[in-house]
Amino acid sequence: MKKKYTLIKNYEFKNVFNKGKFFSSKTIEIIIKENNRNYNRIGIAISSKICKAVKRNKIKRLIRENYRNNIENLKKGYDIVFLWNKKTPVEMAEYNEISKSMKKIFENAGIIEV
């Protein structure tokens, strides 16, 4: 994914956290905010308190891959921050679980095109 399509700076994340809408599911939590651009930007923030770096990176890869597979169906012009649900054990980090959660949240948020 190109840098243009990712949230990198701390103030970008804070802006989404403060002004965005929060959606939660069994495995992931998503905060969505409009960005007035022709494309979506994503950020992934997983706390180091949840697990060690290897497992955090695995979760990030799974989230990125699921997002990449859903990107054609999403409306444009949003900043999206993905978080791992702290109540969910890291062992539940599977492709299918994250995929179900992501689709459910995008439908609830109303940013998925049918």
PDB file of N, CA and C in Angstrom:
ATOM      1  N   MET A   1       0.840  -1.167   0.000  1.00  0.00           N
ATOM      2  CA  MET A   1       0.000   0.000   0.000  1.00  0.00           C
ATOM      3  C   MET A   1       0.894   1.241   0.000  1.00  0.00           C
ATOM      4  N   LYS A   2       0.557   2.204  -0.832  1.00  0.00           N
ATOM      5  CA  LYS A   2       1.371   3.410  -0.951  1.00  0.00           C
ATOM      6  C   LYS A   2       1.242   4.278   0.292  1.00  0.00           C
ATOM      7  N   LYS A   3       2.287   5.060   0.552  1.00  0.00           N
ATOM      8  CA  LYS A   3       2.282   5.954   1.703  1.00  0.00           C
ATOM      9  C   LYS A   3       1.161   6.978   1.621  1.00  0.00           C
ATOM     10  N   LYS A   4       0.799   7.326   0.399  1.00  0.00           N
ATOM     11  CA  LYS A   4      -0.268   8.301   0.192  1.00  0.00           C
ATOM     12  C   LYS A   4      -1.572   7.838   0.831  1.00  0.00           C
ATOM     13  N   TYR A   5      -1.774   6.534   0.908  1.00  0.00           N
ATOM     14  CA  TYR A   5      -3.026   5.967   1.395  1.00  0.00           C
ATOM     15  C   TYR A   5      -2.966   5.510   2.843  1.00  0.00           C
ATOM     16  N   THR A   6      -1.939   5.920   3.584  1.00  0.00           N
ATOM     17  CA  THR A   6      -1.828   5.519   4.980  1.00  0.00           C
ATOM     18  C   THR A   6      -1.729   6.744   5.894  1.00  0.00           C
ATOM     19  N   LEU A   7      -2.222   6.597   7.097  1.00  0.00           N
ATOM     20  CA  LEU A   7      -2.053   7.607   8.129  1.00  0.00           C
ATOM     21  C   LEU A   7      -0.730   7.320   8.819  1.00  0.00           C
ATOM     22  N   ILE A   8       0.134   8.319   8.868  1.00  0.00           N
ATOM     23  CA  ILE A   8       1.464   8.107   9.436  1.00  0.00           C
ATOM     24  C   ILE A   8       1.700   9.005  10.646  1.00  0.00           C
ATOM     25  N   LYS A   9       1.370  10.252  10.519  1.00  0.00           N
ATOM     26  CA  LYS A   9       1.673  11.235  11.556  1.00  0.00           C
ATOM     27  C   LYS A   9       0.746  11.096  12.756  1.00  0.00           C
ATOM     28  N   ASN A  10       1.266  11.452  13.914  1.00  0.00           N
ATOM     29  CA  ASN A  10       0.509  11.369  15.155  1.00  0.00           C
ATOM     30  C   ASN A  10      -0.731  12.262  15.108  1.00  0.00           C
ATOM     31  N   TYR A  11      -0.615  13.475  14.543  1.00  0.00           N
ATOM     32  CA  TYR A  11      -1.763  14.378  14.506  1.00  0.00           C
ATOM     33  C   TYR A  11      -2.868  13.849  13.596  1.00  0.00           C
ATOM     34  N   GLU A  12      -2.527  13.050  12.584  1.00  0.00           N
ATOM     35  CA  GLU A  12      -3.548  12.446  11.726  1.00  0.00           C
ATOM     36  C   GLU A  12      -4.368  11.427  12.516  1.00  0.00           C
ATOM     37  N   PHE A  13      -3.687  10.595  13.305  1.00  0.00           N
ATOM     38  CA  PHE A  13      -4.382   9.626  14.145  1.00  0.00           C
ATOM     39  C   PHE A  13      -5.245  10.336  15.191  1.00  0.00           C
ATOM     40  N   LYS A  14      -4.695  11.356  15.844  1.00  0.00           N
ATOM     41  CA  LYS A  14      -5.444  12.075  16.870  1.00  0.00           C
ATOM     42  C   LYS A  14      -6.696  12.721  16.297  1.00  0.00           C
ATOM     43  N   ASN A  15      -6.587  13.255  15.095  1.00  0.00           N
ATOM     44  CA  ASN A  15      -7.727  13.882  14.436  1.00  0.00           C
ATOM     45  C   ASN A  15      -8.852  12.867  14.229  1.00  0.00           C
ATOM     46  N   VAL A  16      -8.496  11.674  13.776  1.00  0.00           N
ATOM     47  CA  VAL A  16      -9.497  10.619  13.568  1.00  0.00           C
ATOM     48  C   VAL A  16     -10.065  10.155  14.905  1.00  0.00           C
ATOM     49  N   PHE A  17      -9.209   9.976  15.911  1.00  0.00           N
ATOM     50  CA  PHE A  17      -9.683   9.531  17.225  1.00  0.00           C
ATOM     51  C   PHE A  17     -10.660  10.539  17.837  1.00  0.00           C
ATOM     52  N   ASN A  18     -10.361  11.825  17.706  1.00  0.00           N
ATOM     53  CA  ASN A  18     -11.183  12.846  18.347  1.00  0.00           C
ATOM     54  C   ASN A  18     -12.486  13.138  17.603  1.00  0.00           C
ATOM     55  N   LYS A  19     -12.467  13.096  16.277  1.00  0.00           N
ATOM     56  CA  LYS A  19     -13.622  13.529  15.503  1.00  0.00           C
ATOM     57  C   LYS A  19     -14.332  12.407  14.756  1.00  0.00           C
ATOM     58  N   GLY A  20     -13.793  11.194  14.807  1.00  0.00           N
ATOM     59  CA  GLY A  20     -14.372  10.097  14.053  1.00  0.00           C
ATOM     60  C   GLY A  20     -15.463   9.357  14.803  1.00  0.00           C
ATOM     61  N   LYS A  21     -16.157   8.485  14.068  1.00  0.00           N
ATOM     62  CA  LYS A  21     -17.201   7.636  14.651  1.00  0.00           C
ATOM     63  C   LYS A  21     -16.605   6.265  14.947  1.00  0.00           C
ATOM     64  N   PHE A  22     -16.988   5.718  16.088  1.00  0.00           N
ATOM     65  CA  PHE A  22     -16.419   4.473  16.588  1.00  0.00           C
ATOM     66  C   PHE A  22     -17.366   3.313  16.312  1.00  0.00           C
ATOM     67  N   PHE A  23     -16.815   2.222  15.754  1.00  0.00           N
ATOM     68  CA  PHE A  23     -17.570   0.998  15.507  1.00  0.00           C
ATOM     69  C   PHE A  23     -16.759  -0.168  16.051  1.00  0.00           C
ATOM     70  N   SER A  24     -17.459  -1.139  16.645  1.00  0.00           N
ATOM     71  CA  SER A  24     -16.766  -2.252  17.273  1.00  0.00           C
ATOM     72  C   SER A  24     -17.381  -3.574  16.864  1.00  0.00           C
ATOM     73  N   SER A  25     -16.556  -4.615  16.866  1.00  0.00           N
ATOM     74  CA  SER A  25     -17.031  -5.973  16.622  1.00  0.00           C
ATOM     75  C   SER A  25     -16.261  -6.906  17.549  1.00  0.00           C
ATOM     76  N   LYS A  26     -16.373  -8.178  17.285  1.00  0.00           N
ATOM     77  CA  LYS A  26     -15.757  -9.180  18.154  1.00  0.00           C
ATOM     78  C   LYS A  26     -14.231  -9.078  18.162  1.00  0.00           C
ATOM     79  N   THR A  27     -13.625  -8.872  16.998  1.00  0.00           N
ATOM     80  CA  THR A  27     -12.163  -8.894  16.923  1.00  0.00           C
ATOM     81  C   THR A  27     -11.529  -7.522  16.710  1.00  0.00           C
ATOM     82  N   ILE A  28     -12.153  -6.676  15.904  1.00  0.00           N
ATOM     83  CA  ILE A  28     -11.527  -5.379  15.615  1.00  0.00           C
ATOM     84  C   ILE A  28     -12.466  -4.234  15.949  1.00  0.00           C
ATOM     85  N   GLU A  29     -11.861  -3.067  16.140  1.00  0.00           N
ATOM     86  CA  GLU A  29     -12.590  -1.827  16.351  1.00  0.00           C
ATOM     87  C   GLU A  29     -12.126  -0.862  15.275  1.00  0.00           C
ATOM     88  N   ILE A  30     -13.051  -0.069  14.760  1.00  0.00           N
ATOM     89  CA  ILE A  30     -12.719   0.843  13.670  1.00  0.00           C
ATOM     90  C   ILE A  30     -13.247   2.230  14.003  1.00  0.00           C
ATOM     91  N   ILE A  31     -12.433   3.242  13.714  1.00  0.00           N
ATOM     92  CA  ILE A  31     -12.848   4.630  13.847  1.00  0.00           C
ATOM     93  C   ILE A  31     -12.794   5.239  12.447  1.00  0.00           C
ATOM     94  N   ILE A  32     -13.901   5.850  12.032  1.00  0.00           N
ATOM     95  CA  ILE A  32     -14.028   6.359  10.659  1.00  0.00           C
ATOM     96  C   ILE A  32     -14.342   7.850  10.694  1.00  0.00           C
ATOM     97  N   LYS A  33     -13.643   8.603   9.847  1.00  0.00           N
ATOM     98  CA  LYS A  33     -13.862  10.043   9.722  1.00  0.00           C
ATOM     99  C   LYS A  33     -13.735  10.442   8.259  1.00  0.00           C
ATOM    100  N   GLU A  34     -14.594  11.349   7.806  1.00  0.00           N
ATOM    101  CA  GLU A  34     -14.482  11.828   6.427  1.00  0.00           C
ATOM    102  C   GLU A  34     -13.229  12.676   6.279  1.00  0.00           C
ATOM    103  N   ASN A  35     -12.597  12.583   5.069  1.00  0.00           N
ATOM    104  CA  ASN A  35     -11.359  13.338   4.862  1.00  0.00           C
ATOM    105  C   ASN A  35     -11.400  14.276   3.655  1.00  0.00           C
ATOM    106  N   ASN A  36     -12.517  14.357   2.944  1.00  0.00           N
ATOM    107  CA  ASN A  36     -12.685  15.264   1.803  1.00  0.00           C
ATOM    108  C   ASN A  36     -11.620  15.063   0.723  1.00  0.00           C
ATOM    109  N   ARG A  37     -11.257  13.823   0.473  1.00  0.00           N
ATOM    110  CA  ARG A  37     -10.318  13.485  -0.597  1.00  0.00           C
ATOM    111  C   ARG A  37     -10.981  12.464  -1.510  1.00  0.00           C
ATOM    112  N   ASN A  38     -10.323  12.135  -2.598  1.00  0.00           N
ATOM    113  CA  ASN A  38     -10.865  11.162  -3.548  1.00  0.00           C
ATOM    114  C   ASN A  38     -10.431   9.739  -3.225  1.00  0.00           C
ATOM    115  N   TYR A  39      -9.822   9.535  -2.085  1.00  0.00           N
ATOM    116  CA  TYR A  39      -9.324   8.214  -1.728  1.00  0.00           C
ATOM    117  C   TYR A  39      -9.419   8.030  -0.215  1.00  0.00           C
ATOM    118  N   ASN A  40      -9.360   6.787   0.198  1.00  0.00           N
ATOM    119  CA  ASN A  40      -9.368   6.446   1.624  1.00  0.00           C
ATOM    120  C   ASN A  40      -7.937   6.333   2.131  1.00  0.00           C
ATOM    121  N   ARG A  41      -7.759   6.682   3.405  1.00  0.00           N
ATOM    122  CA  ARG A  41      -6.474   6.468   4.057  1.00  0.00           C
ATOM    123  C   ARG A  41      -6.713   5.593   5.276  1.00  0.00           C
ATOM    124  N   ILE A  42      -5.783   4.676   5.539  1.00  0.00           N
ATOM    125  CA  ILE A  42      -5.950   3.802   6.699  1.00  0.00           C
ATOM    126  C   ILE A  42      -4.764   3.918   7.647  1.00  0.00           C
ATOM    127  N   GLY A  43      -5.044   3.592   8.887  1.00  0.00           N
ATOM    128  CA  GLY A  43      -4.013   3.502   9.903  1.00  0.00           C
ATOM    129  C   GLY A  43      -4.326   2.317  10.789  1.00  0.00           C
ATOM    130  N   ILE A  44      -3.302   1.661  11.263  1.00  0.00           N
ATOM    131  CA  ILE A  44      -3.485   0.505  12.132  1.00  0.00           C
ATOM    132  C   ILE A  44      -2.718   0.775  13.420  1.00  0.00           C
ATOM    133  N   ALA A  45      -3.432   0.742  14.540  1.00  0.00           N
ATOM    134  CA  ALA A  45      -2.808   1.000  15.839  1.00  0.00           C
ATOM    135  C   ALA A  45      -3.119  -0.165  16.766  1.00  0.00           C
ATOM    136  N   ILE A  46      -2.098  -0.941  17.096  1.00  0.00           N
ATOM    137  CA  ILE A  46      -2.272  -2.075  17.987  1.00  0.00           C
ATOM    138  C   ILE A  46      -1.330  -1.883  19.176  1.00  0.00           C
ATOM    139  N   SER A  47      -1.884  -1.900  20.355  1.00  0.00           N
ATOM    140  CA  SER A  47      -1.133  -1.619  21.566  1.00  0.00           C
ATOM    141  C   SER A  47      -0.062  -2.681  21.818  1.00  0.00           C
ATOM    142  N   SER A  48       1.071  -2.234  22.309  1.00  0.00           N
ATOM    143  CA  SER A  48       2.141  -3.174  22.643  1.00  0.00           C
ATOM    144  C   SER A  48       1.812  -3.949  23.912  1.00  0.00           C
ATOM    145  N   LYS A  49       0.770  -3.532  24.641  1.00  0.00           N
ATOM    146  CA  LYS A  49       0.360  -4.252  25.849  1.00  0.00           C
ATOM    147  C   LYS A  49      -0.383  -5.537  25.501  1.00  0.00           C
ATOM    148  N   ILE A  50      -0.900  -5.634  24.298  1.00  0.00           N
ATOM    149  CA  ILE A  50      -1.690  -6.801  23.900  1.00  0.00           C
ATOM    150  C   ILE A  50      -0.807  -8.018  23.692  1.00  0.00           C
ATOM    151  N   CYS A  51       0.288  -7.841  22.958  1.00  0.00           N
ATOM    152  CA  CYS A  51       1.164  -8.974  22.668  1.00  0.00           C
ATOM    153  C   CYS A  51       2.517  -8.472  22.189  1.00  0.00           C
ATOM    154  N   LYS A  52       3.398  -9.394  21.885  1.00  0.00           N
ATOM    155  CA  LYS A  52       4.737  -9.046  21.413  1.00  0.00           C
ATOM    156  C   LYS A  52       4.694  -8.642  19.937  1.00  0.00           C
ATOM    157  N   ALA A  53       5.810  -8.150  19.440  1.00  0.00           N
ATOM    158  CA  ALA A  53       5.885  -7.547  18.106  1.00  0.00           C
ATOM    159  C   ALA A  53       5.526  -8.514  16.979  1.00  0.00           C
ATOM    160  N   VAL A  54       5.919  -9.765  17.091  1.00  0.00           N
ATOM    161  CA  VAL A  54       5.660 -10.720  16.015  1.00  0.00           C
ATOM    162  C   VAL A  54       4.160 -10.905  15.812  1.00  0.00           C
ATOM    163  N   LYS A  55       3.427 -11.060  16.890  1.00  0.00           N
ATOM    164  CA  LYS A  55       1.980 -11.247  16.788  1.00  0.00           C
ATOM    165  C   LYS A  55       1.281  -9.954  16.364  1.00  0.00           C
ATOM    166  N   ARG A  56       1.768  -8.803  16.847  1.00  0.00           N
ATOM    167  CA  ARG A  56       1.185  -7.524  16.417  1.00  0.00           C
ATOM    168  C   ARG A  56       1.350  -7.342  14.923  1.00  0.00           C
ATOM    169  N   ASN A  57       2.518  -7.668  14.402  1.00  0.00           N
ATOM    170  CA  ASN A  57       2.749  -7.543  12.966  1.00  0.00           C
ATOM    171  C   ASN A  57       1.884  -8.506  12.172  1.00  0.00           C
ATOM    172  N   LYS A  58       1.644  -9.691  12.702  1.00  0.00           N
ATOM    173  CA  LYS A  58       0.760 -10.643  12.031  1.00  0.00           C
ATOM    174  C   LYS A  58      -0.651 -10.076  11.939  1.00  0.00           C
ATOM    175  N   ILE A  59      -1.135  -9.494  13.035  1.00  0.00           N
ATOM    176  CA  ILE A  59      -2.463  -8.892  13.032  1.00  0.00           C
ATOM    177  C   ILE A  59      -2.532  -7.759  12.011  1.00  0.00           C
ATOM    178  N   LYS A  60      -1.499  -6.937  11.958  1.00  0.00           N
ATOM    179  CA  LYS A  60      -1.467  -5.835  10.989  1.00  0.00           C
ATOM    180  C   LYS A  60      -1.508  -6.350   9.557  1.00  0.00           C
ATOM    181  N   ARG A  61      -0.758  -7.406   9.276  1.00  0.00           N
ATOM    182  CA  ARG A  61      -0.762  -7.980   7.917  1.00  0.00           C
ATOM    183  C   ARG A  61      -2.143  -8.508   7.558  1.00  0.00           C
ATOM    184  N   LEU A  62      -2.800  -9.181   8.499  1.00  0.00           N
ATOM    185  CA  LEU A  62      -4.140  -9.705   8.242  1.00  0.00           C
ATOM    186  C   LEU A  62      -5.146  -8.577   8.005  1.00  0.00           C
ATOM    187  N   ILE A  63      -5.056  -7.520   8.778  1.00  0.00           N
ATOM    188  CA  ILE A  63      -5.967  -6.388   8.603  1.00  0.00           C
ATOM    189  C   ILE A  63      -5.730  -5.720   7.254  1.00  0.00           C
ATOM    190  N   ARG A  64      -4.464  -5.487   6.899  1.00  0.00           N
ATOM    191  CA  ARG A  64      -4.157  -4.876   5.605  1.00  0.00           C
ATOM    192  C   ARG A  64      -4.672  -5.712   4.436  1.00  0.00           C
ATOM    193  N   GLU A  65      -4.486  -7.017   4.511  1.00  0.00           N
ATOM    194  CA  GLU A  65      -4.923  -7.897   3.433  1.00  0.00           C
ATOM    195  C   GLU A  65      -6.447  -7.895   3.307  1.00  0.00           C
ATOM    196  N   ASN A  66      -7.152  -7.947   4.413  1.00  0.00           N
ATOM    197  CA  ASN A  66      -8.613  -7.880   4.370  1.00  0.00           C
ATOM    198  C   ASN A  66      -9.094  -6.554   3.812  1.00  0.00           C
ATOM    199  N   TYR A  67      -8.450  -5.466   4.221  1.00  0.00           N
ATOM    200  CA  TYR A  67      -8.821  -4.152   3.688  1.00  0.00           C
ATOM    201  C   TYR A  67      -8.561  -4.099   2.188  1.00  0.00           C
ATOM    202  N   ARG A  68      -7.427  -4.626   1.754  1.00  0.00           N
ATOM    203  CA  ARG A  68      -7.093  -4.620   0.331  1.00  0.00           C
ATOM    204  C   ARG A  68      -8.135  -5.383  -0.484  1.00  0.00           C
ATOM    205  N   ASN A  69      -8.671  -6.477   0.060  1.00  0.00           N
ATOM    206  CA  ASN A  69      -9.684  -7.251  -0.640  1.00  0.00           C
ATOM    207  C   ASN A  69     -11.046  -6.559  -0.655  1.00  0.00           C
ATOM    208  N   ASN A  70     -11.294  -5.641   0.266  1.00  0.00           N
ATOM    209  CA  ASN A  70     -12.576  -4.934   0.340  1.00  0.00           C
ATOM    210  C   ASN A  70     -12.534  -3.542  -0.263  1.00  0.00           C
ATOM    211  N   ILE A  71     -11.381  -3.083  -0.698  1.00  0.00           N
ATOM    212  CA  ILE A  71     -11.215  -1.683  -1.081  1.00  0.00           C
ATOM    213  C   ILE A  71     -12.089  -1.274  -2.276  1.00  0.00           C
ATOM    214  N   GLU A  72     -12.374  -2.202  -3.186  1.00  0.00           N
ATOM    215  CA  GLU A  72     -13.186  -1.860  -4.355  1.00  0.00           C
ATOM    216  C   GLU A  72     -14.632  -1.579  -3.964  1.00  0.00           C
ATOM    217  N   ASN A  73     -15.100  -2.151  -2.865  1.00  0.00           N
ATOM    218  CA  ASN A  73     -16.492  -2.017  -2.444  1.00  0.00           C
ATOM    219  C   ASN A  73     -16.744  -0.826  -1.528  1.00  0.00           C
ATOM    220  N   LEU A  74     -15.703  -0.094  -1.139  1.00  0.00           N
ATOM    221  CA  LEU A  74     -15.857   0.992  -0.184  1.00  0.00           C
ATOM    222  C   LEU A  74     -16.032   2.335  -0.876  1.00  0.00           C
ATOM    223  N   LYS A  75     -16.813   3.202  -0.227  1.00  0.00           N
ATOM    224  CA  LYS A  75     -16.939   4.572  -0.707  1.00  0.00           C
ATOM    225  C   LYS A  75     -15.618   5.299  -0.459  1.00  0.00           C
ATOM    226  N   LYS A  76     -15.337   6.293  -1.266  1.00  0.00           N
ATOM    227  CA  LYS A  76     -14.071   7.036  -1.156  1.00  0.00           C
ATOM    228  C   LYS A  76     -14.252   8.261  -0.262  1.00  0.00           C
ATOM    229  N   GLY A  77     -13.155   8.702   0.318  1.00  0.00           N
ATOM    230  CA  GLY A  77     -13.140   9.931   1.092  1.00  0.00           C
ATOM    231  C   GLY A  77     -13.202   9.738   2.601  1.00  0.00           C
ATOM    232  N   TYR A  78     -12.576   8.684   3.119  1.00  0.00           N
ATOM    233  CA  TYR A  78     -12.612   8.422   4.550  1.00  0.00           C
ATOM    234  C   TYR A  78     -11.218   8.117   5.085  1.00  0.00           C
ATOM    235  N   ASP A  79     -10.989   8.534   6.344  1.00  0.00           N
ATOM    236  CA  ASP A  79      -9.832   8.089   7.107  1.00  0.00           C
ATOM    237  C   ASP A  79     -10.325   6.981   8.022  1.00  0.00           C
ATOM    238  N   ILE A  80      -9.635   5.848   8.013  1.00  0.00           N
ATOM    239  CA  ILE A  80     -10.069   4.685   8.772  1.00  0.00           C
ATOM    240  C   ILE A  80      -8.911   4.211   9.651  1.00  0.00           C
ATOM    241  N   VAL A  81      -9.172   4.098  10.946  1.00  0.00           N
ATOM    242  CA  VAL A  81      -8.163   3.577  11.880  1.00  0.00           C
ATOM    243  C   VAL A  81      -8.674   2.257  12.434  1.00  0.00           C
ATOM    244  N   PHE A  82      -7.845   1.226  12.321  1.00  0.00           N
ATOM    245  CA  PHE A  82      -8.171  -0.109  12.819  1.00  0.00           C
ATOM    246  C   PHE A  82      -7.471  -0.338  14.151  1.00  0.00           C
ATOM    247  N   LEU A  83      -8.209  -0.892  15.112  1.00  0.00           N
ATOM    248  CA  LEU A  83      -7.668  -1.253  16.418  1.00  0.00           C
ATOM    249  C   LEU A  83      -8.029  -2.705  16.702  1.00  0.00           C
ATOM    250  N   TRP A  84      -7.207  -3.386  17.470  1.00  0.00           N
ATOM    251  CA  TRP A  84      -7.524  -4.744  17.895  1.00  0.00           C
ATOM    252  C   TRP A  84      -8.315  -4.654  19.191  1.00  0.00           C
ATOM    253  N   ASN A  85      -9.411  -5.399  19.271  1.00  0.00           N
ATOM    254  CA  ASN A  85     -10.245  -5.406  20.467  1.00  0.00           C
ATOM    255  C   ASN A  85      -9.454  -6.044  21.616  1.00  0.00           C
ATOM    256  N   LYS A  86      -9.253  -5.309  22.692  1.00  0.00           N
ATOM    257  CA  LYS A  86      -8.413  -5.767  23.801  1.00  0.00           C
ATOM    258  C   LYS A  86      -9.002  -6.964  24.533  1.00  0.00           C
ATOM    259  N   LYS A  87     -10.322  -7.139  24.450  1.00  0.00           N
ATOM    260  CA  LYS A  87     -10.971  -8.252  25.134  1.00  0.00           C
ATOM    261  C   LYS A  87     -10.811  -9.563  24.378  1.00  0.00           C
ATOM    262  N   THR A  88     -10.404  -9.491  23.124  1.00  0.00           N
ATOM    263  CA  THR A  88     -10.270 -10.679  22.292  1.00  0.00           C
ATOM    264  C   THR A  88      -8.854 -11.219  22.391  1.00  0.00           C
ATOM    265  N   PRO A  89      -8.688 -12.510  22.632  1.00  0.00           N
ATOM    266  CA  PRO A  89      -7.328 -13.073  22.660  1.00  0.00           C
ATOM    267  C   PRO A  89      -6.677 -13.016  21.278  1.00  0.00           C
ATOM    268  N   VAL A  90      -5.381 -12.867  21.273  1.00  0.00           N
ATOM    269  CA  VAL A  90      -4.630 -12.727  20.024  1.00  0.00           C
ATOM    270  C   VAL A  90      -4.719 -13.996  19.179  1.00  0.00           C
ATOM    271  N   GLU A  91      -4.960 -15.117  19.816  1.00  0.00           N
ATOM    272  CA  GLU A  91      -5.060 -16.379  19.083  1.00  0.00           C
ATOM    273  C   GLU A  91      -6.247 -16.387  18.120  1.00  0.00           C
ATOM    274  N   MET A  92      -7.203 -15.487  18.309  1.00  0.00           N
ATOM    275  CA  MET A  92      -8.356 -15.400  17.412  1.00  0.00           C
ATOM    276  C   MET A  92      -8.047 -14.601  16.154  1.00  0.00           C
ATOM    277  N   ALA A  93      -6.816 -14.176  15.992  1.00  0.00           N
ATOM    278  CA  ALA A  93      -6.417 -13.400  14.817  1.00  0.00           C
ATOM    279  C   ALA A  93      -6.306 -14.327  13.613  1.00  0.00           C
ATOM    280  N   GLU A  94      -7.423 -14.536  12.956  1.00  0.00           N
ATOM    281  CA  GLU A  94      -7.471 -15.356  11.747  1.00  0.00           C
ATOM    282  C   GLU A  94      -8.092 -14.538  10.633  1.00  0.00           C
ATOM    283  N   TYR A  95      -7.733 -14.888   9.423  1.00  0.00           N
ATOM    284  CA  TYR A  95      -8.185 -14.144   8.248  1.00  0.00           C
ATOM    285  C   TYR A  95      -9.712 -14.080   8.176  1.00  0.00           C
ATOM    286  N   ASN A  96     -10.376 -15.210   8.337  1.00  0.00           N
ATOM    287  CA  ASN A  96     -11.829 -15.262   8.194  1.00  0.00           C
ATOM    288  C   ASN A  96     -12.554 -14.472   9.285  1.00  0.00           C
ATOM    289  N   GLU A  97     -12.075 -14.542  10.502  1.00  0.00           N
ATOM    290  CA  GLU A  97     -12.690 -13.794  11.603  1.00  0.00           C
ATOM    291  C   GLU A  97     -12.594 -12.291  11.356  1.00  0.00           C
ATOM    292  N   ILE A  98     -11.417 -11.838  10.958  1.00  0.00           N
ATOM    293  CA  ILE A  98     -11.218 -10.410  10.700  1.00  0.00           C
ATOM    294  C   ILE A  98     -12.060  -9.978   9.504  1.00  0.00           C
ATOM    295  N   SER A  99     -12.151 -10.822   8.488  1.00  0.00           N
ATOM    296  CA  SER A  99     -12.946 -10.505   7.303  1.00  0.00           C
ATOM    297  C   SER A  99     -14.419 -10.306   7.653  1.00  0.00           C
ATOM    298  N   LYS A 100     -14.974 -11.214   8.446  1.00  0.00           N
ATOM    299  CA  LYS A 100     -16.379 -11.100   8.862  1.00  0.00           C
ATOM    300  C   LYS A 100     -16.603  -9.814   9.656  1.00  0.00           C
ATOM    301  N   SER A 101     -15.718  -9.549  10.597  1.00  0.00           N
ATOM    302  CA  SER A 101     -15.851  -8.362  11.437  1.00  0.00           C
ATOM    303  C   SER A 101     -15.762  -7.089  10.613  1.00  0.00           C
ATOM    304  N   MET A 102     -14.818  -7.053   9.681  1.00  0.00           N
ATOM    305  CA  MET A 102     -14.617  -5.862   8.868  1.00  0.00           C
ATOM    306  C   MET A 102     -15.834  -5.578   7.983  1.00  0.00           C
ATOM    307  N   LYS A 103     -16.368  -6.606   7.341  1.00  0.00           N
ATOM    308  CA  LYS A 103     -17.549  -6.420   6.493  1.00  0.00           C
ATOM    309  C   LYS A 103     -18.746  -5.956   7.318  1.00  0.00           C
ATOM    310  N   LYS A 104     -18.921  -6.542   8.500  1.00  0.00           N
ATOM    311  CA  LYS A 104     -20.031  -6.171   9.371  1.00  0.00           C
ATOM    312  C   LYS A 104     -19.930  -4.702   9.788  1.00  0.00           C
ATOM    313  N   ILE A 105     -18.741  -4.275  10.148  1.00  0.00           N
ATOM    314  CA  ILE A 105     -18.551  -2.887  10.578  1.00  0.00           C
ATOM    315  C   ILE A 105     -18.747  -1.923   9.411  1.00  0.00           C
ATOM    316  N   PHE A 106     -18.217  -2.256   8.235  1.00  0.00           N
ATOM    317  CA  PHE A 106     -18.389  -1.379   7.082  1.00  0.00           C
ATOM    318  C   PHE A 106     -19.861  -1.235   6.709  1.00  0.00           C
ATOM    319  N   GLU A 107     -20.636  -2.308   6.852  1.00  0.00           N
ATOM    320  CA  GLU A 107     -22.081  -2.230   6.585  1.00  0.00           C
ATOM    321  C   GLU A 107     -22.768  -1.336   7.628  1.00  0.00           C
ATOM    322  N   ASN A 108     -22.403  -1.491   8.900  1.00  0.00           N
ATOM    323  CA  ASN A 108     -22.995  -0.654   9.956  1.00  0.00           C
ATOM    324  C   ASN A 108     -22.632   0.816   9.767  1.00  0.00           C
ATOM    325  N   ALA A 109     -21.433   1.079   9.306  1.00  0.00           N
ATOM    326  CA  ALA A 109     -20.977   2.451   9.103  1.00  0.00           C
ATOM    327  C   ALA A 109     -21.585   3.071   7.855  1.00  0.00           C
ATOM    328  N   GLY A 110     -22.048   2.234   6.929  1.00  0.00           N
ATOM    329  CA  GLY A 110     -22.661   2.745   5.707  1.00  0.00           C
ATOM    330  C   GLY A 110     -21.659   3.216   4.673  1.00  0.00           C
ATOM    331  N   ILE A 111     -20.440   2.688   4.713  1.00  0.00           N
ATOM    332  CA  ILE A 111     -19.451   3.113   3.724  1.00  0.00           C
ATOM    333  C   ILE A 111     -19.189   2.047   2.667  1.00  0.00           C
ATOM    334  N   ILE A 112     -19.944   0.961   2.719  1.00  0.00           N
ATOM    335  CA  ILE A 112     -19.770  -0.097   1.721  1.00  0.00           C
ATOM    336  C   ILE A 112     -20.777   0.125   0.595  1.00  0.00           C
ATOM    337  N   GLU A 113     -20.297   0.046  -0.634  1.00  0.00           N
ATOM    338  CA  GLU A 113     -21.170   0.194  -1.805  1.00  0.00           C
ATOM    339  C   GLU A 113     -21.681  -1.159  -2.226  1.00  0.00           C
ATOM    340  N   VAL A 114     -22.950  -1.210  -2.555  1.00  0.00           N
ATOM    341  CA  VAL A 114     -23.544  -2.488  -2.966  1.00  0.00           C
ATOM    342  C   VAL A 114     -23.659  -2.559  -4.467  1.00  0.00           C
TER     343      VAL A 114
END
